[in-house]
Amino acid sequence: MSNTDSFIDEVTEEVRRDRLFGLIRRYGWIAVLAIVLLVGGAAYNEWQKAQARAEAEALGDSILAALTSEEGAARVAALDAIAAPNAGSRTLVDLMAASEEIRLDPADAAQRLLAIADRSDVEQVYRQIATLKAVMIPAGGLDVETRRSRLDGLALGNGLVRLLAEEQLAYLDIETGAPDAAIERLQQVVADAGATPGLRRRAAQVIVALGGEFDVRPEDGATATE
């Protein structure tokens, strides 16, 4: 009986082995292809990471080289000549060029910044920064209506950018002879939970200078002023 069982087990095992080899011969190429795809995908990802790292290093080297020039005009020209690998890098370089240009040609710097703000391929945070910098240039050549329109768009947003836009709008109110409107706007900035201590202090100082009142939270180190 044991010999019969042993024989049956051997035959069964042989049949299983034959079936396994048959399946391997029939479908083994799928396993090989899967392995090739996995290895190839991993290699491609590593190559992409290496390419991105090399591009970032090359961009950084180009920026540093451009900023070594002693004259501002030369720095702007060198920054403009950089071949950025993508839209984000180009935006960063343009923002740096605009910062350099503010001292040379404020009006041109403002237009450069507004051009960045109007580009559809630029991330929103960069467009917001460009808008704020443009309207804050003292001799940027932008009229009140243009500045207010740009800031109104930012004031409709969220976070710190909205509060910074409100601060600049208050300065426009002062510029156009509406101190009461400026005080009311700055009081809202001071009371906003999202305002930073620095922004709150600036707003409070302007309120005091305009003869207004404000309430500052105890953690800001100030008290109500009348």
Protein backbone atom coordinates (compact mmCIF):
# COMPACT_ATOMS: atom_id res chain seq x y z
CA MET A 1 0.00 0.00 0.00
CA SER A 2 2.84 2.36 0.87
CA ASN A 3 4.61 1.55 -2.40
CA THR A 4 1.44 2.37 -4.30
CA ASP A 5 1.02 5.67 -2.44
CA SER A 6 4.67 6.55 -3.07
CA PHE A 7 4.29 5.79 -6.75
CA ILE A 8 1.17 7.92 -6.99
CA ASP A 9 2.91 10.81 -5.21
CA GLU A 10 5.87 10.60 -7.59
CA VAL A 11 3.58 10.58 -10.62
CA THR A 12 1.59 13.52 -9.23
CA GLU A 13 4.76 15.49 -8.54
CA GLU A 14 6.04 14.75 -12.04
CA VAL A 15 2.77 15.94 -13.56
CA ARG A 16 2.96 19.13 -11.50
CA ARG A 17 6.53 19.70 -12.61
CA ASP A 18 5.62 19.18 -16.25
CA ARG A 19 2.73 21.63 -15.92
CA LEU A 20 4.98 24.18 -14.22
CA PHE A 21 7.59 23.95 -16.94
CA GLY A 22 4.85 24.21 -19.53
CA LEU A 23 3.52 27.36 -17.92
CA ILE A 24 7.02 28.81 -17.72
CA ARG A 25 7.63 28.08 -21.38
CA ARG A 26 4.27 29.55 -22.29
CA TYR A 27 4.15 32.62 -20.00
CA GLY A 28 7.71 33.09 -18.81
CA TRP A 29 8.25 36.00 -21.19
CA ILE A 30 5.70 37.99 -19.16
CA ALA A 31 7.78 37.65 -16.00
CA VAL A 32 10.93 38.59 -17.92
CA LEU A 33 9.17 41.64 -19.40
CA ALA A 34 7.92 42.71 -15.97
CA ILE A 35 11.43 42.52 -14.57
CA VAL A 36 12.81 44.49 -17.51
CA LEU A 37 10.14 47.17 -17.06
CA LEU A 38 10.79 47.45 -13.32
CA VAL A 39 14.52 47.73 -13.77
CA GLY A 40 14.15 50.12 -16.70
CA GLY A 41 11.68 52.29 -14.80
CA ALA A 42 13.96 52.54 -11.79
CA ALA A 43 16.90 53.41 -14.02
CA TYR A 44 14.85 56.08 -15.84
CA ASN A 45 13.73 57.64 -12.56
CA GLU A 46 17.33 57.82 -11.36
CA TRP A 47 18.36 59.36 -14.67
CA GLN A 48 15.60 61.97 -14.37
CA LYS A 49 16.69 62.82 -10.83
CA ALA A 50 20.29 63.15 -11.96
CA GLN A 51 19.23 65.40 -14.86
CA ALA A 52 17.14 67.63 -12.59
CA ARG A 53 19.99 67.85 -10.09
CA ALA A 54 22.47 68.74 -12.84
CA GLU A 55 20.10 71.42 -14.24
CA ALA A 56 19.60 72.94 -10.79
CA GLU A 57 23.34 73.03 -10.16
CA ALA A 58 24.01 74.58 -13.56
CA LEU A 59 21.31 77.20 -12.97
CA GLY A 60 22.73 78.03 -9.55
CA ASP A 61 26.23 78.40 -10.99
CA SER A 62 24.91 80.68 -13.74
CA ILE A 63 23.09 82.90 -11.24
CA LEU A 64 26.12 83.16 -8.99
CA ALA A 65 28.31 84.03 -11.96
CA ALA A 66 25.84 86.71 -13.09
CA LEU A 67 25.75 88.30 -9.64
CA THR A 68 29.53 88.59 -9.40
CA SER A 69 29.53 91.56 -11.80
CA GLU A 70 30.27 94.84 -10.04
CA GLU A 71 27.84 96.94 -12.06
CA GLY A 72 24.09 96.54 -11.77
CA ALA A 73 23.50 96.81 -15.51
CA ALA A 74 25.97 93.99 -16.12
CA ARG A 75 24.22 91.83 -13.52
CA VAL A 76 20.84 92.43 -15.16
CA ALA A 77 22.23 91.61 -18.61
CA ALA A 78 23.90 88.45 -17.30
CA LEU A 79 20.70 87.30 -15.62
CA ASP A 80 18.69 87.96 -18.78
CA ALA A 81 21.17 85.86 -20.76
CA ILE A 82 20.69 82.77 -18.58
CA ALA A 83 18.96 79.92 -20.40
CA ALA A 84 16.54 78.66 -17.75
CA PRO A 85 15.47 75.01 -18.13
CA ASN A 86 11.79 75.59 -17.26
CA ALA A 87 9.17 78.26 -16.54
CA GLY A 88 9.74 78.16 -12.79
CA SER A 89 13.46 78.74 -13.14
CA ARG A 90 12.88 81.53 -15.67
CA THR A 91 10.51 83.22 -13.24
CA LEU A 92 13.04 83.06 -10.42
CA VAL A 93 15.75 84.57 -12.63
CA ASP A 94 13.38 87.31 -13.83
CA LEU A 95 12.46 88.20 -10.25
CA MET A 96 16.14 88.52 -9.39
CA ALA A 97 16.75 90.65 -12.48
CA ALA A 98 13.87 92.92 -11.53
CA SER A 99 15.32 93.35 -8.04
CA GLU A 100 18.62 94.39 -9.56
CA GLU A 101 16.88 96.72 -12.02
CA ILE A 102 14.91 98.62 -9.37
CA ARG A 103 17.96 100.76 -8.58
CA LEU A 104 18.76 101.34 -12.26
CA ASP A 105 15.36 101.81 -13.89
CA PRO A 106 12.41 101.55 -11.45
CA ALA A 107 9.79 101.94 -14.16
CA ASP A 108 11.27 99.15 -16.27
CA ALA A 109 11.54 96.95 -13.18
CA ALA A 110 7.85 97.51 -12.44
CA GLN A 111 6.88 96.55 -15.98
CA ARG A 112 9.06 93.43 -15.80
CA LEU A 113 7.35 92.41 -12.56
CA LEU A 114 3.88 93.00 -13.97
CA ALA A 115 4.81 90.89 -16.99
CA ILE A 116 5.67 88.07 -14.59
CA ALA A 117 2.36 88.56 -12.77
CA ASP A 118 0.46 88.25 -16.07
CA ARG A 119 2.12 85.04 -17.25
CA SER A 120 -0.19 82.03 -17.20
CA ASP A 121 2.65 79.52 -16.86
CA VAL A 122 3.90 81.04 -13.59
CA GLU A 123 2.84 79.64 -10.23
CA GLN A 124 0.38 81.79 -8.32
CA VAL A 125 2.75 82.55 -5.44
CA TYR A 126 5.31 84.03 -7.85
CA ARG A 127 2.63 86.12 -9.58
CA GLN A 128 1.54 87.46 -6.20
CA ILE A 129 5.10 88.32 -5.18
CA ALA A 130 5.70 90.05 -8.50
CA THR A 131 2.53 92.12 -8.12
CA LEU A 132 3.38 93.23 -4.59
CA LYS A 133 6.94 94.15 -5.55
CA ALA A 134 5.73 96.11 -8.59
CA VAL A 135 3.23 98.27 -6.71
CA MET A 136 5.72 98.91 -3.89
CA ILE A 137 8.37 100.49 -6.15
CA PRO A 138 8.33 104.22 -5.24
CA ALA A 139 9.25 105.47 -8.72
CA GLY A 140 7.74 102.60 -10.64
CA GLY A 141 5.59 104.86 -12.80
CA LEU A 142 2.36 103.00 -12.04
CA ASP A 143 -0.66 105.23 -11.55
CA VAL A 144 -2.96 104.90 -8.54
CA GLU A 145 -5.70 103.15 -10.50
CA THR A 146 -3.33 100.48 -11.79
CA ARG A 147 -1.86 99.85 -8.36
CA ARG A 148 -5.27 99.71 -6.70
CA SER A 149 -6.62 97.35 -9.33
CA ARG A 150 -3.68 95.00 -8.92
CA LEU A 151 -3.90 95.07 -5.14
CA ASP A 152 -7.66 94.55 -5.12
CA GLY A 153 -7.07 91.25 -6.90
CA LEU A 154 -4.64 90.13 -4.20
CA ALA A 155 -6.92 91.33 -1.40
CA LEU A 156 -9.57 88.89 -2.57
CA GLY A 157 -7.28 85.97 -1.83
CA ASN A 158 -6.29 84.28 1.40
CA GLY A 159 -3.38 84.21 3.81
CA LEU A 160 -0.59 86.69 4.33
CA VAL A 161 -0.65 87.98 0.75
CA ARG A 162 -4.17 89.31 1.32
CA LEU A 163 -3.06 91.22 4.42
CA LEU A 164 0.01 92.63 2.69
CA ALA A 165 -2.23 93.81 -0.12
CA GLU A 166 -4.56 95.43 2.41
CA GLU A 167 -1.57 97.22 3.93
CA GLN A 168 -0.56 98.60 0.55
CA LEU A 169 -4.13 99.62 -0.20
CA ALA A 170 -4.13 101.58 3.06
CA TYR A 171 -1.05 103.44 1.88
CA LEU A 172 -2.89 104.22 -1.35
CA ASP A 173 -5.79 105.57 0.71
CA ILE A 174 -3.34 107.88 2.47
CA GLU A 175 -1.80 108.91 -0.85
CA THR A 176 -5.20 109.80 -2.28
CA GLY A 177 -6.28 111.78 0.79
CA ALA A 178 -8.49 109.21 2.53
CA PRO A 179 -6.87 108.75 5.96
CA ASP A 180 -10.07 107.51 7.61
CA ALA A 181 -10.35 104.69 5.07
CA ALA A 182 -6.69 103.87 5.68
CA ILE A 183 -7.21 103.73 9.46
CA GLU A 184 -10.21 101.43 9.10
CA ARG A 185 -8.33 99.12 6.73
CA LEU A 186 -5.26 98.97 8.98
CA GLN A 187 -7.40 98.31 12.06
CA GLN A 188 -8.75 95.26 10.29
CA VAL A 189 -5.19 94.16 9.52
CA VAL A 190 -4.18 94.54 13.18
CA ALA A 191 -7.19 92.52 14.32
CA ASP A 192 -6.69 89.75 11.79
CA ALA A 193 -5.43 86.49 13.31
CA GLY A 194 -3.28 85.83 10.27
CA ALA A 195 -1.23 89.02 10.60
CA THR A 196 2.39 88.57 11.58
CA PRO A 197 3.79 90.55 14.52
CA GLY A 198 5.84 92.70 12.16
CA LEU A 199 2.87 93.52 9.97
CA ARG A 200 0.73 94.25 13.02
CA ARG A 201 3.35 96.64 14.40
CA ARG A 202 3.69 98.49 11.09
CA ALA A 203 -0.06 98.90 10.80
CA ALA A 204 -0.34 100.08 14.41
CA GLN A 205 2.38 102.69 13.93
CA VAL A 206 0.62 104.13 10.88
CA ILE A 207 -2.70 104.17 12.74
CA VAL A 208 -1.10 106.16 15.57
CA ALA A 209 0.55 108.52 13.09
CA LEU A 210 -2.86 109.16 11.53
CA GLY A 211 -4.43 109.83 14.92
CA GLY A 212 -6.47 106.64 15.04
CA GLU A 213 -7.05 103.95 17.66
CA PHE A 214 -6.15 100.29 17.69
CA ASP A 215 -6.14 97.27 19.95
CA VAL A 216 -3.15 94.97 19.88
CA ARG A 217 -3.10 91.59 21.52
CA PRO A 218 -0.99 91.19 24.67
CA GLU A 219 1.41 88.80 22.96
CA ASP A 220 2.41 91.61 20.57
CA GLY A 221 3.79 93.68 23.45
CA ALA A 222 1.54 96.70 22.97
CA THR A 223 -1.59 98.17 24.49
CA ALA A 224 -4.56 100.12 23.27
CA THR A 225 -3.71 103.59 22.07
CA GLU A 226 -6.07 106.50 21.82
